[in-house]
Amino acid sequence: MTQLSDYRVLSFDVYGTLVDWEGGILAAFQPILDKTKAQFTRKHLLTIYHELEREQQSKTPDMPYHQLLTTVHPEFAKRLGLEIPSQEESNRFGESVGNWPAFPDTVDALKRLSKHYKLVVLSNVDRASFAKTNAGSLEGFPFDLIITAQDVGSYKPDLRNFEYMLKMVKLNFDIEPSQVLQTAQSQFHDHHPASKIGIKSAWIERPGATMGNLSDNIYDWRFHTMGDMAKAYEAGQ
């Protein structure tokens, strides 16, 4: 049976896995909700947002993520029957990415895991937004390789993103695909496409997560937090 120590690279989805994507989206949308008495459940808001984001990513695969958020923002308000926001409000929503908080276990877990693995970012955001997050809530953590949707020209779950990552890992570190472990929360964006091209995966099943869930769950390891994964490695699992 394989162990976590059999792998040499962790390829991370960042937003949802290391950074609180859902909390970030809801906090950034709150000013629009504050203008109205309408009440929505967290799940309803996130389900609609995820649907709109996914549609927009399919429609404009080369649009930088912060711009995509800006574009989705008025549609999100419209779908909820709320007043359409101003361009300035939508711009603020798009620029919020860099301020989304890391999960409390993230930075410590990255430091512990970096002793054993090359740590690679494979994110659906754009370079500038990730740079803000990395300098902000990820405390300047030095990843070994950073790949964004902007670098590839498509958004996950497109297989091209994973193929590009494997190619870059081979090029930069001379490490084979069989030694790469996709480490992510989203079944839709990460685990299902990774399995299609034979990449093993660790599911960081953040409690209460909504976006990216599917009825069929694919994974080789399963943890609630990155901290739990680091602990499992240290325990020789």
C-alpha atoms as a PDB file:
ATOM      1  CA  MET A   1       0.000   0.000   0.000  1.00  0.00           C
ATOM      2  CA  THR A   2       1.292   3.468  -0.870  1.00  0.00           C
ATOM      3  CA  GLN A   3       2.118   5.996   1.834  1.00  0.00           C
ATOM      4  CA  LEU A   4       2.241   9.774   1.788  1.00  0.00           C
ATOM      5  CA  SER A   5       6.042   9.527   1.860  1.00  0.00           C
ATOM      6  CA  ASP A   6       6.002   7.789  -1.565  1.00  0.00           C
ATOM      7  CA  TYR A   7       5.270  11.180  -3.215  1.00  0.00           C
ATOM      8  CA  ARG A   8       7.700  14.017  -3.891  1.00  0.00           C
ATOM      9  CA  VAL A   9       5.376  16.832  -5.030  1.00  0.00           C
ATOM     10  CA  LEU A  10       2.151  18.231  -3.577  1.00  0.00           C
ATOM     11  CA  SER A  11       0.187  20.176  -6.187  1.00  0.00           C
ATOM     12  CA  PHE A  12      -2.222  22.504  -4.399  1.00  0.00           C
ATOM     13  CA  ASP A  13      -5.445  24.066  -5.238  1.00  0.00           C
ATOM     14  CA  VAL A  14      -5.156  27.226  -3.127  1.00  0.00           C
ATOM     15  CA  TYR A  15      -8.615  28.802  -2.824  1.00  0.00           C
ATOM     16  CA  GLY A  16     -10.825  26.393  -0.897  1.00  0.00           C
ATOM     17  CA  THR A  17      -7.878  24.293   0.302  1.00  0.00           C
ATOM     18  CA  LEU A  18      -5.333  26.716   1.774  1.00  0.00           C
ATOM     19  CA  VAL A  19      -7.425  29.900   1.674  1.00  0.00           C
ATOM     20  CA  ASP A  20     -11.063  30.318   2.734  1.00  0.00           C
ATOM     21  CA  TRP A  21     -12.562  30.823  -0.738  1.00  0.00           C
ATOM     22  CA  GLU A  22     -16.183  30.508   0.407  1.00  0.00           C
ATOM     23  CA  GLY A  23     -15.778  32.856   3.377  1.00  0.00           C
ATOM     24  CA  GLY A  24     -13.922  35.307   1.126  1.00  0.00           C
ATOM     25  CA  ILE A  25     -16.665  35.336  -1.514  1.00  0.00           C
ATOM     26  CA  LEU A  26     -19.425  35.801   1.083  1.00  0.00           C
ATOM     27  CA  ALA A  27     -17.582  38.610   2.904  1.00  0.00           C
ATOM     28  CA  ALA A  28     -16.936  40.403  -0.402  1.00  0.00           C
ATOM     29  CA  PHE A  29     -20.609  40.090  -1.375  1.00  0.00           C
ATOM     30  CA  GLN A  30     -21.894  41.215   2.043  1.00  0.00           C
ATOM     31  CA  PRO A  31     -22.087  44.966   1.164  1.00  0.00           C
ATOM     32  CA  ILE A  32     -24.766  44.136  -1.457  1.00  0.00           C
ATOM     33  CA  LEU A  33     -26.679  41.984   1.033  1.00  0.00           C
ATOM     34  CA  ASP A  34     -26.462  44.743   3.654  1.00  0.00           C
ATOM     35  CA  LYS A  35     -28.536  47.023   1.412  1.00  0.00           C
ATOM     36  CA  THR A  36     -31.513  44.675   1.572  1.00  0.00           C
ATOM     37  CA  LYS A  37     -33.628  42.809   4.102  1.00  0.00           C
ATOM     38  CA  ALA A  38     -33.551  39.653   1.967  1.00  0.00           C
ATOM     39  CA  GLN A  39     -32.293  36.553   3.768  1.00  0.00           C
ATOM     40  CA  PHE A  40     -30.415  33.748   2.018  1.00  0.00           C
ATOM     41  CA  THR A  41     -28.741  30.660   3.386  1.00  0.00           C
ATOM     42  CA  ARG A  42     -24.977  30.310   3.004  1.00  0.00           C
ATOM     43  CA  LYS A  43     -25.539  27.201   0.881  1.00  0.00           C
ATOM     44  CA  HIS A  44     -27.975  28.964  -1.480  1.00  0.00           C
ATOM     45  CA  LEU A  45     -25.575  31.890  -2.020  1.00  0.00           C
ATOM     46  CA  LEU A  46     -22.569  29.641  -2.653  1.00  0.00           C
ATOM     47  CA  THR A  47     -24.458  27.267  -4.948  1.00  0.00           C
ATOM     48  CA  ILE A  48     -25.611  30.137  -7.183  1.00  0.00           C
ATOM     49  CA  TYR A  49     -22.199  31.817  -7.131  1.00  0.00           C
ATOM     50  CA  HIS A  50     -20.397  28.593  -8.045  1.00  0.00           C
ATOM     51  CA  GLU A  51     -22.770  27.971 -10.949  1.00  0.00           C
ATOM     52  CA  LEU A  52     -22.198  31.495 -12.321  1.00  0.00           C
ATOM     53  CA  GLU A  53     -18.425  31.289 -11.882  1.00  0.00           C
ATOM     54  CA  ARG A  54     -18.299  27.930 -13.656  1.00  0.00           C
ATOM     55  CA  GLU A  55     -20.373  29.222 -16.592  1.00  0.00           C
ATOM     56  CA  GLN A  56     -18.168  32.297 -16.940  1.00  0.00           C
ATOM     57  CA  GLN A  57     -14.965  30.234 -16.809  1.00  0.00           C
ATOM     58  CA  SER A  58     -16.276  28.027 -19.628  1.00  0.00           C
ATOM     59  CA  LYS A  59     -17.282  31.072 -21.660  1.00  0.00           C
ATOM     60  CA  THR A  60     -14.066  33.083 -21.161  1.00  0.00           C
ATOM     61  CA  PRO A  61     -11.245  30.639 -20.254  1.00  0.00           C
ATOM     62  CA  ASP A  62      -8.552  33.269 -20.811  1.00  0.00           C
ATOM     63  CA  MET A  63     -10.141  36.001 -18.664  1.00  0.00           C
ATOM     64  CA  PRO A  64      -8.017  36.748 -15.545  1.00  0.00           C
ATOM     65  CA  TYR A  65      -9.786  35.603 -12.389  1.00  0.00           C
ATOM     66  CA  HIS A  66     -10.188  39.006 -10.697  1.00  0.00           C
ATOM     67  CA  GLN A  67     -11.846  40.271 -13.907  1.00  0.00           C
ATOM     68  CA  LEU A  68     -14.043  37.185 -13.989  1.00  0.00           C
ATOM     69  CA  LEU A  69     -15.225  37.930 -10.437  1.00  0.00           C
ATOM     70  CA  THR A  70     -15.986  41.516 -11.454  1.00  0.00           C
ATOM     71  CA  THR A  71     -18.037  40.197 -14.402  1.00  0.00           C
ATOM     72  CA  VAL A  72     -19.941  37.638 -12.301  1.00  0.00           C
ATOM     73  CA  HIS A  73     -20.796  40.109  -9.498  1.00  0.00           C
ATOM     74  CA  PRO A  74     -23.779  41.872 -11.172  1.00  0.00           C
ATOM     75  CA  GLU A  75     -25.103  38.513 -12.423  1.00  0.00           C
ATOM     76  CA  PHE A  76     -24.939  37.167  -8.882  1.00  0.00           C
ATOM     77  CA  ALA A  77     -27.003  40.111  -7.580  1.00  0.00           C
ATOM     78  CA  LYS A  78     -29.457  39.733 -10.464  1.00  0.00           C
ATOM     79  CA  ARG A  79     -29.998  36.014  -9.851  1.00  0.00           C
ATOM     80  CA  LEU A  80     -30.830  36.793  -6.219  1.00  0.00           C
ATOM     81  CA  GLY A  81     -33.286  39.517  -7.251  1.00  0.00           C
ATOM     82  CA  LEU A  82     -31.114  42.245  -5.721  1.00  0.00           C
ATOM     83  CA  GLU A  83     -30.257  45.727  -6.967  1.00  0.00           C
ATOM     84  CA  ILE A  84     -27.570  45.634  -9.677  1.00  0.00           C
ATOM     85  CA  PRO A  85     -24.285  46.914  -8.205  1.00  0.00           C
ATOM     86  CA  SER A  86     -22.293  49.833  -9.583  1.00  0.00           C
ATOM     87  CA  GLN A  87     -19.132  49.168 -11.610  1.00  0.00           C
ATOM     88  CA  GLU A  88     -17.087  50.370  -8.651  1.00  0.00           C
ATOM     89  CA  GLU A  89     -18.773  47.846  -6.340  1.00  0.00           C
ATOM     90  CA  SER A  90     -18.134  45.048  -8.842  1.00  0.00           C
ATOM     91  CA  ASN A  91     -14.491  46.097  -9.157  1.00  0.00           C
ATOM     92  CA  ARG A  92     -14.135  45.908  -5.370  1.00  0.00           C
ATOM     93  CA  PHE A  93     -15.610  42.396  -5.418  1.00  0.00           C
ATOM     94  CA  GLY A  94     -13.070  41.383  -8.086  1.00  0.00           C
ATOM     95  CA  GLU A  95     -10.167  42.900  -6.169  1.00  0.00           C
ATOM     96  CA  SER A  96     -11.136  41.141  -2.920  1.00  0.00           C
ATOM     97  CA  VAL A  97      -9.255  37.914  -3.801  1.00  0.00           C
ATOM     98  CA  GLY A  98      -5.964  39.062  -2.313  1.00  0.00           C
ATOM     99  CA  ASN A  99      -7.674  39.754   1.035  1.00  0.00           C
ATOM    100  CA  TRP A 100      -9.311  36.361   1.518  1.00  0.00           C
ATOM    101  CA  PRO A 101      -8.044  34.725   4.722  1.00  0.00           C
ATOM    102  CA  ALA A 102      -5.932  31.578   4.908  1.00  0.00           C
ATOM    103  CA  PHE A 103      -7.354  28.778   7.044  1.00  0.00           C
ATOM    104  CA  PRO A 104      -5.755  28.834  10.507  1.00  0.00           C
ATOM    105  CA  ASP A 105      -3.866  25.548   9.973  1.00  0.00           C
ATOM    106  CA  THR A 106      -2.484  26.398   6.517  1.00  0.00           C
ATOM    107  CA  VAL A 107       0.841  28.189   6.980  1.00  0.00           C
ATOM    108  CA  ASP A 108       2.120  25.909   9.737  1.00  0.00           C
ATOM    109  CA  ALA A 109       1.146  22.809   7.696  1.00  0.00           C
ATOM    110  CA  LEU A 110       2.928  24.166   4.603  1.00  0.00           C
ATOM    111  CA  LYS A 111       6.100  24.715   6.627  1.00  0.00           C
ATOM    112  CA  ARG A 112       5.964  21.157   7.947  1.00  0.00           C
ATOM    113  CA  LEU A 113       5.169  19.582   4.563  1.00  0.00           C
ATOM    114  CA  SER A 114       7.853  21.609   2.761  1.00  0.00           C
ATOM    115  CA  LYS A 115      10.500  19.561   4.615  1.00  0.00           C
ATOM    116  CA  HIS A 116       9.375  16.500   2.651  1.00  0.00           C
ATOM    117  CA  TYR A 117       7.876  17.728  -0.640  1.00  0.00           C
ATOM    118  CA  LYS A 118       8.202  20.237  -3.436  1.00  0.00           C
ATOM    119  CA  LEU A 119       5.095  22.431  -3.040  1.00  0.00           C
ATOM    120  CA  VAL A 120       3.426  23.522  -6.265  1.00  0.00           C
ATOM    121  CA  VAL A 121       0.504  25.921  -6.710  1.00  0.00           C
ATOM    122  CA  LEU A 122      -2.040  24.979  -9.403  1.00  0.00           C
ATOM    123  CA  SER A 123      -4.658  27.680  -8.988  1.00  0.00           C
ATOM    124  CA  ASN A 124      -7.592  29.045 -10.968  1.00  0.00           C
ATOM    125  CA  VAL A 125      -6.740  32.645 -10.117  1.00  0.00           C
ATOM    126  CA  ASP A 126      -4.533  35.114 -12.000  1.00  0.00           C
ATOM    127  CA  ARG A 127      -0.904  35.893 -11.141  1.00  0.00           C
ATOM    128  CA  ALA A 128      -1.520  39.309  -9.554  1.00  0.00           C
ATOM    129  CA  SER A 129      -4.323  38.027  -7.282  1.00  0.00           C
ATOM    130  CA  PHE A 130      -2.234  35.064  -6.139  1.00  0.00           C
ATOM    131  CA  ALA A 131       0.749  37.340  -5.465  1.00  0.00           C
ATOM    132  CA  LYS A 132      -1.452  39.434  -3.133  1.00  0.00           C
ATOM    133  CA  THR A 133      -2.673  36.335  -1.295  1.00  0.00           C
ATOM    134  CA  ASN A 134       0.841  34.948  -1.018  1.00  0.00           C
ATOM    135  CA  ALA A 135       2.167  38.219   0.409  1.00  0.00           C
ATOM    136  CA  GLY A 136      -0.898  38.529   2.662  1.00  0.00           C
ATOM    137  CA  SER A 137      -2.618  35.660   4.449  1.00  0.00           C
ATOM    138  CA  LEU A 138      -0.083  33.047   3.240  1.00  0.00           C
ATOM    139  CA  GLU A 139       2.635  35.132   4.954  1.00  0.00           C
ATOM    140  CA  GLY A 140       5.027  35.108   1.984  1.00  0.00           C
ATOM    141  CA  PHE A 141       5.342  31.315   1.979  1.00  0.00           C
ATOM    142  CA  PRO A 142       7.983  30.313  -0.634  1.00  0.00           C
ATOM    143  CA  PHE A 143       6.268  27.802  -2.963  1.00  0.00           C
ATOM    144  CA  ASP A 144       8.595  25.869  -5.272  1.00  0.00           C
ATOM    145  CA  LEU A 145       6.495  26.524  -8.374  1.00  0.00           C
ATOM    146  CA  ILE A 146       3.437  28.708  -9.027  1.00  0.00           C
ATOM    147  CA  ILE A 147       1.051  27.974 -11.907  1.00  0.00           C
ATOM    148  CA  THR A 148      -2.149  29.965 -12.398  1.00  0.00           C
ATOM    149  CA  ALA A 149      -5.013  29.683 -14.883  1.00  0.00           C
ATOM    150  CA  GLN A 150      -3.532  32.787 -16.510  1.00  0.00           C
ATOM    151  CA  ASP A 151      -0.327  30.849 -17.290  1.00  0.00           C
ATOM    152  CA  VAL A 152      -2.237  27.984 -18.909  1.00  0.00           C
ATOM    153  CA  GLY A 153      -5.031  29.908 -20.636  1.00  0.00           C
ATOM    154  CA  SER A 154      -7.772  27.695 -19.187  1.00  0.00           C
ATOM    155  CA  TYR A 155      -9.482  27.009 -15.888  1.00  0.00           C
ATOM    156  CA  LYS A 156      -9.622  23.735 -13.981  1.00  0.00           C
ATOM    157  CA  PRO A 157     -11.272  21.227 -14.392  1.00  0.00           C
ATOM    158  CA  ASP A 158      -9.744  21.525 -17.891  1.00  0.00           C
ATOM    159  CA  LEU A 159      -7.211  18.702 -18.176  1.00  0.00           C
ATOM    160  CA  ARG A 160      -4.745  21.069 -19.851  1.00  0.00           C
ATOM    161  CA  ASN A 161      -4.061  22.674 -16.463  1.00  0.00           C
ATOM    162  CA  PHE A 162      -2.984  19.343 -14.983  1.00  0.00           C
ATOM    163  CA  GLU A 163      -0.986  18.352 -18.054  1.00  0.00           C
ATOM    164  CA  TYR A 164       0.829  21.700 -17.950  1.00  0.00           C
ATOM    165  CA  MET A 165       1.589  21.242 -14.237  1.00  0.00           C
ATOM    166  CA  LEU A 166       3.029  17.732 -14.810  1.00  0.00           C
ATOM    167  CA  LYS A 167       5.154  19.025 -17.674  1.00  0.00           C
ATOM    168  CA  MET A 168       6.521  21.891 -15.530  1.00  0.00           C
ATOM    169  CA  VAL A 169       7.194  19.578 -12.585  1.00  0.00           C
ATOM    170  CA  LYS A 170       9.199  17.264 -14.859  1.00  0.00           C
ATOM    171  CA  LEU A 171      11.035  20.210 -16.393  1.00  0.00           C
ATOM    172  CA  ASN A 172      11.852  21.989 -13.121  1.00  0.00           C
ATOM    173  CA  PHE A 173      12.433  19.070 -10.734  1.00  0.00           C
ATOM    174  CA  ASP A 174      12.767  15.989 -12.958  1.00  0.00           C
ATOM    175  CA  ILE A 175       9.942  14.346 -10.998  1.00  0.00           C
ATOM    176  CA  GLU A 176       7.552  11.872 -12.635  1.00  0.00           C
ATOM    177  CA  PRO A 177       3.710  12.210 -12.600  1.00  0.00           C
ATOM    178  CA  SER A 178       3.439   9.098 -10.398  1.00  0.00           C
ATOM    179  CA  GLN A 179       5.164  11.051  -7.597  1.00  0.00           C
ATOM    180  CA  VAL A 180       2.734  13.992  -7.693  1.00  0.00           C
ATOM    181  CA  LEU A 181      -0.184  14.159  -5.245  1.00  0.00           C
ATOM    182  CA  GLN A 182      -2.994  16.613  -6.068  1.00  0.00           C
ATOM    183  CA  THR A 183      -4.012  18.150  -2.735  1.00  0.00           C
ATOM    184  CA  ALA A 184      -7.352  19.939  -2.845  1.00  0.00           C
ATOM    185  CA  GLN A 185     -10.833  20.500  -1.469  1.00  0.00           C
ATOM    186  CA  SER A 186     -12.836  20.618  -4.705  1.00  0.00           C
ATOM    187  CA  GLN A 187     -13.966  17.349  -6.244  1.00  0.00           C
ATOM    188  CA  PHE A 188     -15.183  19.214  -9.359  1.00  0.00           C
ATOM    189  CA  HIS A 189     -12.068  21.304 -10.011  1.00  0.00           C
ATOM    190  CA  ASP A 190      -9.361  18.915  -8.856  1.00  0.00           C
ATOM    191  CA  HIS A 191     -10.027  15.318  -7.873  1.00  0.00           C
ATOM    192  CA  HIS A 192     -12.167  14.240 -10.835  1.00  0.00           C
ATOM    193  CA  PRO A 193      -9.931  15.756 -13.542  1.00  0.00           C
ATOM    194  CA  ALA A 194      -6.719  14.633 -11.765  1.00  0.00           C
ATOM    195  CA  SER A 195      -7.976  11.038 -11.669  1.00  0.00           C
ATOM    196  CA  LYS A 196      -8.704  11.171 -15.413  1.00  0.00           C
ATOM    197  CA  ILE A 197      -5.010  11.579 -16.136  1.00  0.00           C
ATOM    198  CA  GLY A 198      -3.844   9.199 -13.426  1.00  0.00           C
ATOM    199  CA  ILE A 199      -2.801  11.643 -10.680  1.00  0.00           C
ATOM    200  CA  LYS A 200      -3.391  10.386  -7.123  1.00  0.00           C
ATOM    201  CA  SER A 201      -5.030  12.829  -4.735  1.00  0.00           C
ATOM    202  CA  ALA A 202      -5.474  13.887  -1.114  1.00  0.00           C
ATOM    203  CA  TRP A 203      -8.913  15.321  -0.396  1.00  0.00           C
ATOM    204  CA  ILE A 204      -8.852  18.187   2.103  1.00  0.00           C
ATOM    205  CA  GLU A 205     -12.523  17.985   2.983  1.00  0.00           C
ATOM    206  CA  ARG A 206     -12.954  21.310   4.737  1.00  0.00           C
ATOM    207  CA  PRO A 207     -15.973  20.964   7.095  1.00  0.00           C
ATOM    208  CA  GLY A 208     -19.037  22.761   5.704  1.00  0.00           C
ATOM    209  CA  ALA A 209     -17.563  23.334   2.217  1.00  0.00           C
ATOM    210  CA  THR A 210     -20.172  23.669  -0.552  1.00  0.00           C
ATOM    211  CA  MET A 211     -18.468  24.789  -3.755  1.00  0.00           C
ATOM    212  CA  GLY A 212     -16.915  22.092  -5.884  1.00  0.00           C
ATOM    213  CA  ASN A 213     -18.771  19.227  -4.196  1.00  0.00           C
ATOM    214  CA  LEU A 214     -20.015  16.315  -6.307  1.00  0.00           C
ATOM    215  CA  SER A 215     -22.097  13.270  -5.375  1.00  0.00           C
ATOM    216  CA  ASP A 216     -19.255  10.939  -6.371  1.00  0.00           C
ATOM    217  CA  ASN A 217     -16.080  11.500  -4.335  1.00  0.00           C
ATOM    218  CA  ILE A 218     -12.702  10.417  -5.697  1.00  0.00           C
ATOM    219  CA  TYR A 219      -9.601  10.444  -3.485  1.00  0.00           C
ATOM    220  CA  ASP A 220      -6.693   8.330  -2.238  1.00  0.00           C
ATOM    221  CA  TRP A 221      -6.365  10.101   1.142  1.00  0.00           C
ATOM    222  CA  ARG A 222      -8.882  12.188   3.020  1.00  0.00           C
ATOM    223  CA  PHE A 223      -8.238  14.832   5.697  1.00  0.00           C
ATOM    224  CA  HIS A 224     -10.301  17.673   7.189  1.00  0.00           C
ATOM    225  CA  THR A 225      -7.403  20.126   7.260  1.00  0.00           C
ATOM    226  CA  MET A 226      -3.883  20.608   5.944  1.00  0.00           C
ATOM    227  CA  GLY A 227      -2.767  20.311   9.567  1.00  0.00           C
ATOM    228  CA  ASP A 228      -4.253  16.800   9.696  1.00  0.00           C
ATOM    229  CA  MET A 229      -2.357  15.890   6.522  1.00  0.00           C
ATOM    230  CA  ALA A 230       0.962  17.119   7.957  1.00  0.00           C
ATOM    231  CA  LYS A 231       0.261  15.136  11.137  1.00  0.00           C
ATOM    232  CA  ALA A 232      -0.485  11.989   9.098  1.00  0.00           C
ATOM    233  CA  TYR A 233       2.801  12.328   7.213  1.00  0.00           C
ATOM    234  CA  GLU A 234       4.727  12.724  10.468  1.00  0.00           C
ATOM    235  CA  ALA A 235       2.965   9.657  11.873  1.00  0.00           C
ATOM    236  CA  GLY A 236       4.203   7.634   8.877  1.00  0.00           C
ATOM    237  CA  GLN A 237       0.815   7.068   7.217  1.00  0.00           C
END
